Amino acid sequence: MSEPKIFDKKPTVIELEPGTYYWCSCGHSGKQPFCDGSHKGTEFTPVPLEITEKKSVALCLCKYTKNPPYCDGSHTRL
């Protein structure tokens, strides 16, 4: 299994409007934390994120979270 690219060792806290977003799981997207299709040809797939009301979320950028797409503190162990 391939390892994801660590984009950053801290989460991004972002306010999202209601809608569907796709979190980058490979770490190669140029539109972090969201997917731009850079995973094509790899075993990685984007993780859908449904937001039903405007809210702030902490999204993982190290790509090692056990609760994707949310930060779970895994970056502190890298």
C-alpha atoms as a PDB file:
ATOM      1  CA  MET A   1       0.000   0.000   0.000  1.00  0.00           C
ATOM      2  CA  SER A   2       1.236   3.467  -0.864  1.00  0.00           C
ATOM      3  CA  GLU A   3       1.694   6.092   1.798  1.00  0.00           C
ATOM      4  CA  PRO A   4      -0.065   9.439   1.427  1.00  0.00           C
ATOM      5  CA  LYS A   5       2.012  12.583   0.993  1.00  0.00           C
ATOM      6  CA  ILE A   6       2.060  14.683   4.167  1.00  0.00           C
ATOM      7  CA  PHE A   7       0.868  18.100   3.040  1.00  0.00           C
ATOM      8  CA  ASP A   8       1.231  19.738   6.464  1.00  0.00           C
ATOM      9  CA  LYS A   9       1.659  18.623  10.078  1.00  0.00           C
ATOM     10  CA  LYS A  10      -1.269  20.657  11.336  1.00  0.00           C
ATOM     11  CA  PRO A  11      -4.949  20.739  10.341  1.00  0.00           C
ATOM     12  CA  THR A  12      -6.668  23.476   8.418  1.00  0.00           C
ATOM     13  CA  VAL A  13      -9.645  25.044  10.177  1.00  0.00           C
ATOM     14  CA  ILE A  14     -12.114  26.207   7.580  1.00  0.00           C
ATOM     15  CA  GLU A  15     -15.686  27.481   7.553  1.00  0.00           C
ATOM     16  CA  LEU A  16     -17.788  25.571   5.035  1.00  0.00           C
ATOM     17  CA  GLU A  17     -21.139  26.366   3.526  1.00  0.00           C
ATOM     18  CA  PRO A  18     -23.723  23.570   3.126  1.00  0.00           C
ATOM     19  CA  GLY A  19     -22.847  21.217   0.282  1.00  0.00           C
ATOM     20  CA  THR A  20     -20.762  18.224  -0.714  1.00  0.00           C
ATOM     21  CA  TYR A  21     -16.982  18.478  -0.623  1.00  0.00           C
ATOM     22  CA  TYR A  22     -14.310  15.908  -1.500  1.00  0.00           C
ATOM     23  CA  TRP A  23     -11.345  15.713   0.871  1.00  0.00           C
ATOM     24  CA  CYS A  24      -7.972  14.816  -0.643  1.00  0.00           C
ATOM     25  CA  SER A  25      -6.690  11.564   0.872  1.00  0.00           C
ATOM     26  CA  CYS A  26      -3.464  11.290  -1.170  1.00  0.00           C
ATOM     27  CA  GLY A  27      -1.859  14.619  -0.234  1.00  0.00           C
ATOM     28  CA  HIS A  28      -1.010  15.587  -3.827  1.00  0.00           C
ATOM     29  CA  SER A  29      -3.909  17.950  -4.577  1.00  0.00           C
ATOM     30  CA  GLY A  30      -3.004  21.547  -5.330  1.00  0.00           C
ATOM     31  CA  LYS A  31      -6.334  22.593  -3.792  1.00  0.00           C
ATOM     32  CA  GLN A  32      -5.747  21.286  -0.243  1.00  0.00           C
ATOM     33  CA  PRO A  33      -7.640  20.107   1.705  1.00  0.00           C
ATOM     34  CA  PHE A  34      -9.883  19.282  -1.244  1.00  0.00           C
ATOM     35  CA  CYS A  35      -9.398  16.892  -4.163  1.00  0.00           C
ATOM     36  CA  ASP A  36      -8.315  18.160  -7.584  1.00  0.00           C
ATOM     37  CA  GLY A  37      -7.990  14.728  -9.228  1.00  0.00           C
ATOM     38  CA  SER A  38      -4.243  14.335  -8.549  1.00  0.00           C
ATOM     39  CA  HIS A  39      -4.899  10.845  -7.147  1.00  0.00           C
ATOM     40  CA  LYS A  40      -5.716   9.427 -10.593  1.00  0.00           C
ATOM     41  CA  GLY A  41      -3.635   6.319 -11.239  1.00  0.00           C
ATOM     42  CA  THR A  42      -3.142   5.646  -7.515  1.00  0.00           C
ATOM     43  CA  GLU A  43      -5.054   3.578  -4.961  1.00  0.00           C
ATOM     44  CA  PHE A  44      -6.282   6.737  -3.215  1.00  0.00           C
ATOM     45  CA  THR A  45      -9.808   8.075  -3.583  1.00  0.00           C
ATOM     46  CA  PRO A  46     -11.311  11.313  -2.297  1.00  0.00           C
ATOM     47  CA  VAL A  47     -13.481  11.193   0.817  1.00  0.00           C
ATOM     48  CA  PRO A  48     -16.930  12.790   0.436  1.00  0.00           C
ATOM     49  CA  LEU A  49     -17.879  15.307   3.109  1.00  0.00           C
ATOM     50  CA  GLU A  50     -21.522  16.347   3.479  1.00  0.00           C
ATOM     51  CA  ILE A  51     -22.092  19.671   5.238  1.00  0.00           C
ATOM     52  CA  THR A  52     -25.731  20.383   6.107  1.00  0.00           C
ATOM     53  CA  GLU A  53     -25.281  23.760   7.805  1.00  0.00           C
ATOM     54  CA  LYS A  54     -22.575  26.413   7.759  1.00  0.00           C
ATOM     55  CA  LYS A  55     -19.869  25.446  10.262  1.00  0.00           C
ATOM     56  CA  SER A  56     -16.153  25.449  11.005  1.00  0.00           C
ATOM     57  CA  VAL A  57     -14.306  22.138  10.731  1.00  0.00           C
ATOM     58  CA  ALA A  58     -10.700  21.048  11.338  1.00  0.00           C
ATOM     59  CA  LEU A  59      -9.660  19.013   8.294  1.00  0.00           C
ATOM     60  CA  CYS A  60      -6.606  16.766   8.317  1.00  0.00           C
ATOM     61  CA  LEU A  61      -3.644  17.791   6.172  1.00  0.00           C
ATOM     62  CA  CYS A  62      -1.178  15.091   7.298  1.00  0.00           C
ATOM     63  CA  LYS A  63      -3.462  12.434   5.718  1.00  0.00           C
ATOM     64  CA  TYR A  64      -2.904   9.967   8.595  1.00  0.00           C
ATOM     65  CA  THR A  65      -6.111  10.673  10.555  1.00  0.00           C
ATOM     66  CA  LYS A  66      -8.121   7.652  11.700  1.00  0.00           C
ATOM     67  CA  ASN A  67     -11.297   9.755  11.280  1.00  0.00           C
ATOM     68  CA  PRO A  68     -11.066  11.155   7.726  1.00  0.00           C
ATOM     69  CA  PRO A  69     -11.511  13.919   6.753  1.00  0.00           C
ATOM     70  CA  TYR A  70     -11.324  15.339  10.270  1.00  0.00           C
ATOM     71  CA  CYS A  71      -8.136  15.937  12.218  1.00  0.00           C
ATOM     72  CA  ASP A  72      -7.703  13.491  15.107  1.00  0.00           C
ATOM     73  CA  GLY A  73      -4.267  14.657  16.246  1.00  0.00           C
ATOM     74  CA  SER A  74      -2.336  12.011  14.284  1.00  0.00           C
ATOM     75  CA  HIS A  75       0.026  14.719  13.025  1.00  0.00           C
ATOM     76  CA  THR A  76       1.534  14.971  16.533  1.00  0.00           C
ATOM     77  CA  ARG A  77       2.942  11.453  16.139  1.00  0.00           C
ATOM     78  CA  LEU A  78       4.625  11.972  12.742  1.00  0.00           C
END
